PDB file of N, CA and C in Angstrom:
ATOM      1  N   MET A   1     -41.528 -27.416  -8.346  1.00  0.00           N
ATOM      2  CA  MET A   1     -41.729 -27.094  -6.928  1.00  0.00           C
ATOM      3  C   MET A   1     -41.129 -28.146  -5.990  1.00  0.00           C
ATOM      4  N   PRO A   2     -41.200 -29.437  -6.316  1.00  0.00           N
ATOM      5  CA  PRO A   2     -40.599 -30.421  -5.399  1.00  0.00           C
ATOM      6  C   PRO A   2     -39.109 -30.163  -5.194  1.00  0.00           C
ATOM      7  N   ARG A   3     -38.460 -29.575  -6.210  1.00  0.00           N
ATOM      8  CA  ARG A   3     -37.025 -29.322  -6.058  1.00  0.00           C
ATOM      9  C   ARG A   3     -36.771 -28.261  -4.996  1.00  0.00           C
ATOM     10  N   LEU A   4     -37.725 -27.323  -4.854  1.00  0.00           N
ATOM     11  CA  LEU A   4     -37.558 -26.290  -3.824  1.00  0.00           C
ATOM     12  C   LEU A   4     -37.528 -26.934  -2.441  1.00  0.00           C
ATOM     13  N   VAL A   5     -38.414 -27.910  -2.218  1.00  0.00           N
ATOM     14  CA  VAL A   5     -38.450 -28.583  -0.918  1.00  0.00           C
ATOM     15  C   VAL A   5     -37.128 -29.311  -0.675  1.00  0.00           C
ATOM     16  N   LEU A   6     -36.634 -29.988  -1.698  1.00  0.00           N
ATOM     17  CA  LEU A   6     -35.359 -30.691  -1.552  1.00  0.00           C
ATOM     18  C   LEU A   6     -34.225 -29.707  -1.300  1.00  0.00           C
ATOM     19  N   SER A   7     -34.286 -28.553  -1.981  1.00  0.00           N
ATOM     20  CA  SER A   7     -33.222 -27.563  -1.819  1.00  0.00           C
ATOM     21  C   SER A   7     -33.156 -27.088  -0.373  1.00  0.00           C
ATOM     22  N   ARG A   8     -34.315 -26.735   0.197  1.00  0.00           N
ATOM     23  CA  ARG A   8     -34.318 -26.245   1.580  1.00  0.00           C
ATOM     24  C   ARG A   8     -33.863 -27.335   2.536  1.00  0.00           C
ATOM     25  N   ARG A   9     -34.245 -28.572   2.260  1.00  0.00           N
ATOM     26  CA  ARG A   9     -33.851 -29.662   3.147  1.00  0.00           C
ATOM     27  C   ARG A   9     -32.340 -29.856   3.104  1.00  0.00           C
ATOM     28  N   GLN A  10     -31.751 -29.757   1.911  1.00  0.00           N
ATOM     29  CA  GLN A  10     -30.306 -29.953   1.812  1.00  0.00           C
ATOM     30  C   GLN A  10     -29.543 -28.759   2.360  1.00  0.00           C
ATOM     31  N   LEU A  11     -30.156 -27.580   2.315  1.00  0.00           N
ATOM     32  CA  LEU A  11     -29.487 -26.415   2.900  1.00  0.00           C
ATOM     33  C   LEU A  11     -29.418 -26.553   4.416  1.00  0.00           C
ATOM     34  N   GLY A  12     -30.456 -27.164   5.018  1.00  0.00           N
ATOM     35  CA  GLY A  12     -30.479 -27.334   6.466  1.00  0.00           C
ATOM     36  C   GLY A  12     -29.316 -28.189   6.928  1.00  0.00           C
ATOM     37  N   ASN A  13     -29.076 -29.292   6.232  1.00  0.00           N
ATOM     38  CA  ASN A  13     -27.938 -30.164   6.564  1.00  0.00           C
ATOM     39  C   ASN A  13     -27.345 -30.651   5.252  1.00  0.00           C
ATOM     40  N   TRP A  14     -26.564 -29.778   4.600  1.00  0.00           N
ATOM     41  CA  TRP A  14     -26.050 -30.176   3.284  1.00  0.00           C
ATOM     42  C   TRP A  14     -24.877 -31.112   3.452  1.00  0.00           C
ATOM     43  N   PRO A  15     -24.971 -32.285   2.821  1.00  0.00           N
ATOM     44  CA  PRO A  15     -23.867 -33.247   2.859  1.00  0.00           C
ATOM     45  C   PRO A  15     -22.770 -32.827   1.889  1.00  0.00           C
ATOM     46  N   PRO A  16     -21.537 -32.709   2.349  1.00  0.00           N
ATOM     47  CA  PRO A  16     -20.435 -32.254   1.488  1.00  0.00           C
ATOM     48  C   PRO A  16     -20.252 -33.140   0.254  1.00  0.00           C
ATOM     49  N   TYR A  17     -20.590 -34.413   0.355  1.00  0.00           N
ATOM     50  CA  TYR A  17     -20.364 -35.310  -0.778  1.00  0.00           C
ATOM     51  C   TYR A  17     -21.380 -35.063  -1.893  1.00  0.00           C
ATOM     52  N   ALA A  18     -22.483 -34.360  -1.587  1.00  0.00           N
ATOM     53  CA  ALA A  18     -23.516 -34.106  -2.603  1.00  0.00           C
ATOM     54  C   ALA A  18     -23.393 -32.697  -3.175  1.00  0.00           C
ATOM     55  N   THR A  19     -22.230 -32.066  -2.976  1.00  0.00           N
ATOM     56  CA  THR A  19     -22.072 -30.673  -3.402  1.00  0.00           C
ATOM     57  C   THR A  19     -22.302 -30.522  -4.901  1.00  0.00           C
ATOM     58  N   THR A  20     -21.642 -31.361  -5.700  1.00  0.00           N
ATOM     59  CA  THR A  20     -21.742 -31.223  -7.155  1.00  0.00           C
ATOM     60  C   THR A  20     -23.163 -31.498  -7.629  1.00  0.00           C
ATOM     61  N   THR A  21     -23.783 -32.564  -7.123  1.00  0.00           N
ATOM     62  CA  THR A  21     -25.140 -32.911  -7.544  1.00  0.00           C
ATOM     63  C   THR A  21     -26.108 -31.812  -7.167  1.00  0.00           C
ATOM     64  N   TYR A  22     -25.963 -31.269  -5.964  1.00  0.00           N
ATOM     65  CA  TYR A  22     -26.883 -30.225  -5.509  1.00  0.00           C
ATOM     66  C   TYR A  22     -26.725 -28.973  -6.357  1.00  0.00           C
ATOM     67  N   ARG A  23     -25.512 -28.572  -6.621  1.00  0.00           N
ATOM     68  CA  ARG A  23     -25.276 -27.355  -7.407  1.00  0.00           C
ATOM     69  C   ARG A  23     -25.852 -27.525  -8.809  1.00  0.00           C
ATOM     70  N   ALA A  24     -25.722 -28.725  -9.389  1.00  0.00           N
ATOM     71  CA  ALA A  24     -26.258 -28.967 -10.730  1.00  0.00           C
ATOM     72  C   ALA A  24     -27.779 -28.847 -10.726  1.00  0.00           C
ATOM     73  N   SER A  25     -28.436 -29.418  -9.710  1.00  0.00           N
ATOM     74  CA  SER A  25     -29.898 -29.357  -9.667  1.00  0.00           C
ATOM     75  C   SER A  25     -30.375 -27.928  -9.445  1.00  0.00           C
ATOM     76  N   VAL A  26     -29.647 -27.164  -8.641  1.00  0.00           N
ATOM     77  CA  VAL A  26     -30.031 -25.770  -8.407  1.00  0.00           C
ATOM     78  C   VAL A  26     -29.883 -24.963  -9.686  1.00  0.00           C
ATOM     79  N   THR A  27     -28.829 -25.240 -10.444  1.00  0.00           N
ATOM     80  CA  THR A  27     -28.632 -24.514 -11.700  1.00  0.00           C
ATOM     81  C   THR A  27     -29.779 -24.786 -12.659  1.00  0.00           C
ATOM     82  N   VAL A  28     -30.244 -26.023 -12.710  1.00  0.00           N
ATOM     83  CA  VAL A  28     -31.353 -26.378 -13.605  1.00  0.00           C
ATOM     84  C   VAL A  28     -32.628 -25.664 -13.175  1.00  0.00           C
ATOM     85  N   THR A  29     -32.915 -25.650 -11.871  1.00  0.00           N
ATOM     86  CA  THR A  29     -34.141 -25.020 -11.400  1.00  0.00           C
ATOM     87  C   THR A  29     -34.060 -23.509 -11.543  1.00  0.00           C
ATOM     88  N   ALA A  30     -32.859 -22.943 -11.433  1.00  0.00           N
ATOM     89  CA  ALA A  30     -32.735 -21.492 -11.550  1.00  0.00           C
ATOM     90  C   ALA A  30     -33.075 -21.026 -12.966  1.00  0.00           C
ATOM     91  N   LYS A  31     -32.917 -21.896 -13.949  1.00  0.00           N
ATOM     92  CA  LYS A  31     -33.227 -21.521 -15.325  1.00  0.00           C
ATOM     93  C   LYS A  31     -34.730 -21.353 -15.533  1.00  0.00           C
ATOM     94  N   SER A  32     -35.546 -21.843 -14.599  1.00  0.00           N
ATOM     95  CA  SER A  32     -36.994 -21.689 -14.731  1.00  0.00           C
ATOM     96  C   SER A  32     -37.441 -20.351 -14.158  1.00  0.00           C
ATOM     97  N   ASN A  33     -36.478 -19.428 -13.940  1.00  0.00           N
ATOM     98  CA  ASN A  33     -36.780 -18.073 -13.469  1.00  0.00           C
ATOM     99  C   ASN A  33     -37.501 -18.088 -12.125  1.00  0.00           C
ATOM    100  N   ASN A  34     -36.999 -18.890 -11.202  1.00  0.00           N
ATOM    101  CA  ASN A  34     -37.545 -18.924  -9.845  1.00  0.00           C
ATOM    102  C   ASN A  34     -36.641 -18.072  -8.961  1.00  0.00           C
ATOM    103  N   PRO A  35     -37.133 -16.935  -8.474  1.00  0.00           N
ATOM    104  CA  PRO A  35     -36.277 -16.060  -7.664  1.00  0.00           C
ATOM    105  C   PRO A  35     -35.729 -16.774  -6.437  1.00  0.00           C
ATOM    106  N   ILE A  36     -36.538 -17.646  -5.831  1.00  0.00           N
ATOM    107  CA  ILE A  36     -36.086 -18.358  -4.629  1.00  0.00           C
ATOM    108  C   ILE A  36     -34.901 -19.252  -4.976  1.00  0.00           C
ATOM    109  N   ASP A  37     -34.982 -19.934  -6.109  1.00  0.00           N
ATOM    110  CA  ASP A  37     -33.880 -20.806  -6.517  1.00  0.00           C
ATOM    111  C   ASP A  37     -32.621 -19.994  -6.776  1.00  0.00           C
ATOM    112  N   GLU A  38     -32.783 -18.815  -7.385  1.00  0.00           N
ATOM    113  CA  GLU A  38     -31.608 -17.992  -7.673  1.00  0.00           C
ATOM    114  C   GLU A  38     -30.952 -17.530  -6.376  1.00  0.00           C
ATOM    115  N   VAL A  39     -31.767 -17.199  -5.388  1.00  0.00           N
ATOM    116  CA  VAL A  39     -31.214 -16.788  -4.095  1.00  0.00           C
ATOM    117  C   VAL A  39     -30.481 -17.955  -3.452  1.00  0.00           C
ATOM    118  N   ILE A  40     -31.095 -19.147  -3.500  1.00  0.00           N
ATOM    119  CA  ILE A  40     -30.451 -20.331  -2.921  1.00  0.00           C
ATOM    120  C   ILE A  40     -29.133 -20.608  -3.634  1.00  0.00           C
ATOM    121  N   GLU A  41     -29.138 -20.471  -4.970  1.00  0.00           N
ATOM    122  CA  GLU A  41     -27.910 -20.725  -5.723  1.00  0.00           C
ATOM    123  C   GLU A  41     -26.823 -19.739  -5.316  1.00  0.00           C
ATOM    124  N   GLY A  42     -27.189 -18.455  -5.176  1.00  0.00           N
ATOM    125  CA  GLY A  42     -26.212 -17.454  -4.781  1.00  0.00           C
ATOM    126  C   GLY A  42     -25.633 -17.740  -3.408  1.00  0.00           C
ATOM    127  N   ILE A  43     -26.491 -18.119  -2.470  1.00  0.00           N
ATOM    128  CA  ILE A  43     -26.016 -18.420  -1.113  1.00  0.00           C
ATOM    129  C   ILE A  43     -25.135 -19.665  -1.137  1.00  0.00           C
ATOM    130  N   TYR A  44     -25.552 -20.675  -1.905  1.00  0.00           N
ATOM    131  CA  TYR A  44     -24.812 -21.939  -1.888  1.00  0.00           C
ATOM    132  C   TYR A  44     -23.421 -21.771  -2.479  1.00  0.00           C
ATOM    133  N   GLN A  45     -23.290 -20.905  -3.502  1.00  0.00           N
ATOM    134  CA  GLN A  45     -21.978 -20.728  -4.114  1.00  0.00           C
ATOM    135  C   GLN A  45     -21.006 -20.052  -3.149  1.00  0.00           C
ATOM    136  N   LEU A  46     -21.521 -19.382  -2.129  1.00  0.00           N
ATOM    137  CA  LEU A  46     -20.644 -18.748  -1.141  1.00  0.00           C
ATOM    138  C   LEU A  46     -20.103 -19.762  -0.139  1.00  0.00           C
ATOM    139  N   LEU A  47     -20.754 -20.904   0.000  1.00  0.00           N
ATOM    140  CA  LEU A  47     -20.331 -21.890   0.996  1.00  0.00           C
ATOM    141  C   LEU A  47     -19.058 -22.596   0.538  1.00  0.00           C
TER     142      LEU A  47
END
């Protein structure tokens, strides 16, 4: 759950230099079958 808070915070003002790290963390959290994480991952890959 703490990763969800970090995800929303980084989506609000995502730093371009943290793109790879953020995408990796989202991929890990998405494997826990969290629909919110999967939606965030889908949106982030479009950016």
